[in-house]
Amino acid sequence: MESIFPWLRGRLDRVGVLLSCLCLIHCLAGLVLVAGMGAGASFLLDPSIHKVGLLLATVIAAAAIGLGAVRQRRIAPFAVALVGLCFMMGAVLAGHGFPEAALTMIGVVLVATGHILNLRLNLRKH
């Protein structure tokens, strides 16, 4: 049972980085579509996508980075990801527009950085 937690955390960290990258691509594509097509990109910019993304990011970060922080006794990955999640929450509250995109992009980069730090600490421990 002890050996499954590092494996599971590693998988969750990788999923977290992947989702962060997809979110970043989504934000950039949304900005390009809005700038190029006006309001024609409403599906990509649906607020529910951002709420679901924030929920997924929070659950995955809590599981992977939270468990890593407890096991490794290192707060840095958790703190970086938490700041990123706060930026993402600010983006959800900001509504559509440039502030939302900027806050989201900063947030997902920080969350991905937290996952990468957690992966590195996990690899050093083993």
Protein backbone atom coordinates (compact mmCIF):
# COMPACT_ATOMS: atom_id res chain seq x y z
CA MET A 1 0.00 0.00 0.00
CA GLU A 2 2.87 2.37 0.82
CA SER A 3 4.29 2.03 -2.71
CA ILE A 4 1.03 2.96 -4.45
CA PHE A 5 0.92 6.50 -3.06
CA PRO A 6 4.08 7.77 -4.82
CA TRP A 7 2.90 6.14 -8.05
CA LEU A 8 -0.58 7.64 -7.73
CA ARG A 9 0.78 11.07 -6.78
CA GLY A 10 3.12 10.97 -9.76
CA ARG A 11 0.26 10.12 -12.10
CA LEU A 12 -1.93 12.85 -10.64
CA ASP A 13 0.90 15.38 -10.93
CA ARG A 14 1.35 14.47 -14.59
CA VAL A 15 -2.40 14.80 -15.19
CA GLY A 16 -2.29 18.15 -13.40
CA VAL A 17 0.49 19.42 -15.66
CA LEU A 18 -1.37 18.16 -18.74
CA LEU A 19 -4.62 19.84 -17.67
CA SER A 20 -2.74 23.07 -16.94
CA CYS A 21 -1.23 23.00 -20.43
CA LEU A 22 -4.63 22.31 -22.00
CA CYS A 23 -6.13 25.17 -20.01
CA LEU A 24 -3.39 27.51 -21.19
CA ILE A 25 -4.01 26.48 -24.81
CA HIS A 26 -7.76 26.96 -24.25
CA CYS A 27 -7.18 30.51 -22.95
CA LEU A 28 -4.89 31.47 -25.79
CA ALA A 29 -7.22 29.95 -28.40
CA GLY A 30 -10.18 31.73 -26.83
CA LEU A 31 -8.40 35.08 -27.02
CA VAL A 32 -7.48 34.48 -30.66
CA LEU A 33 -11.02 33.43 -31.54
CA VAL A 34 -12.60 36.38 -29.77
CA ALA A 35 -10.17 38.79 -31.40
CA GLY A 36 -10.69 37.18 -34.83
CA MET A 37 -14.35 36.32 -34.78
CA GLY A 38 -15.95 38.51 -32.15
CA ALA A 39 -18.65 36.72 -30.20
CA GLY A 40 -18.58 33.61 -32.42
CA ALA A 41 -16.48 31.68 -29.94
CA SER A 42 -19.09 31.51 -27.18
CA PHE A 43 -18.84 27.73 -26.77
CA LEU A 44 -15.14 27.84 -25.91
CA LEU A 45 -15.68 30.73 -23.54
CA ASP A 46 -18.64 29.28 -21.65
CA PRO A 47 -18.20 30.16 -17.94
CA SER A 48 -19.08 26.61 -16.90
CA ILE A 49 -15.88 25.36 -18.57
CA HIS A 50 -13.87 27.61 -16.27
CA LYS A 51 -15.74 26.51 -13.16
CA VAL A 52 -15.30 22.83 -14.02
CA GLY A 53 -11.62 23.44 -14.80
CA LEU A 54 -11.09 25.14 -11.45
CA LEU A 55 -12.83 22.28 -9.66
CA LEU A 56 -10.69 19.67 -11.47
CA ALA A 57 -7.50 21.63 -10.81
CA THR A 58 -8.37 21.94 -7.12
CA VAL A 59 -9.18 18.25 -6.66
CA ILE A 60 -6.10 17.02 -8.52
CA ALA A 61 -3.78 19.51 -6.81
CA ALA A 62 -5.20 18.66 -3.39
CA ALA A 63 -4.74 14.95 -3.97
CA ALA A 64 -1.29 15.01 -5.56
CA ILE A 65 0.37 18.04 -4.02
CA GLY A 66 -1.43 17.81 -0.68
CA LEU A 67 -0.35 14.21 -0.19
CA GLY A 68 3.14 15.13 -1.35
CA ALA A 69 3.37 18.00 1.14
CA VAL A 70 2.31 15.73 4.00
CA ARG A 71 4.67 12.93 3.03
CA GLN A 72 7.69 15.01 2.02
CA ARG A 73 7.19 17.74 4.61
CA ARG A 74 7.87 20.36 1.93
CA ILE A 75 5.49 23.27 1.60
CA ALA A 76 6.86 24.90 -1.60
CA PRO A 77 4.87 22.85 -4.17
CA PHE A 78 1.69 23.28 -2.13
CA ALA A 79 2.21 27.03 -1.66
CA VAL A 80 2.95 27.63 -5.36
CA ALA A 81 -0.10 25.61 -6.45
CA LEU A 82 -2.32 27.30 -3.87
CA VAL A 83 -1.34 30.75 -5.16
CA GLY A 84 -2.10 29.50 -8.69
CA LEU A 85 -5.52 28.25 -7.62
CA CYS A 86 -6.21 31.65 -6.05
CA PHE A 87 -5.39 33.33 -9.37
CA MET A 88 -7.72 30.88 -11.12
CA MET A 89 -10.50 31.65 -8.62
CA GLY A 90 -9.95 35.35 -9.27
CA ALA A 91 -10.33 34.67 -12.97
CA VAL A 92 -13.66 32.90 -12.46
CA LEU A 93 -14.87 35.87 -10.39
CA ALA A 94 -13.54 38.46 -12.87
CA GLY A 95 -15.86 37.51 -15.70
CA HIS A 96 -14.97 37.45 -19.38
CA GLY A 97 -12.26 39.59 -20.86
CA PHE A 98 -8.55 40.15 -20.69
CA PRO A 99 -8.33 40.14 -16.85
CA GLU A 100 -9.92 36.69 -16.76
CA ALA A 101 -7.52 35.33 -19.36
CA ALA A 102 -4.47 36.88 -17.71
CA LEU A 103 -5.41 35.63 -14.23
CA THR A 104 -6.16 32.16 -15.59
CA MET A 105 -2.88 31.90 -17.48
CA ILE A 106 -0.86 33.02 -14.46
CA GLY A 107 -2.80 30.57 -12.30
CA VAL A 108 -2.37 27.53 -14.51
CA VAL A 109 1.35 28.17 -14.91
CA LEU A 110 1.71 28.32 -11.11
CA VAL A 111 -0.39 25.17 -10.60
CA ALA A 112 1.69 23.33 -13.21
CA THR A 113 4.85 24.57 -11.49
CA GLY A 114 3.56 23.21 -8.18
CA HIS A 115 2.97 19.81 -9.80
CA ILE A 116 6.44 19.82 -11.37
CA LEU A 117 8.06 20.72 -8.03
CA ASN A 118 6.09 17.93 -6.39
CA LEU A 119 7.23 15.45 -9.07
CA ARG A 120 10.86 16.46 -8.58
CA LEU A 121 10.65 16.08 -4.80
CA ASN A 122 8.97 12.73 -5.24
CA LEU A 123 11.75 11.53 -7.57
CA ARG A 124 14.46 12.68 -5.13
CA LYS A 125 12.82 10.82 -2.28
CA HIS A 126 12.98 7.50 -4.15
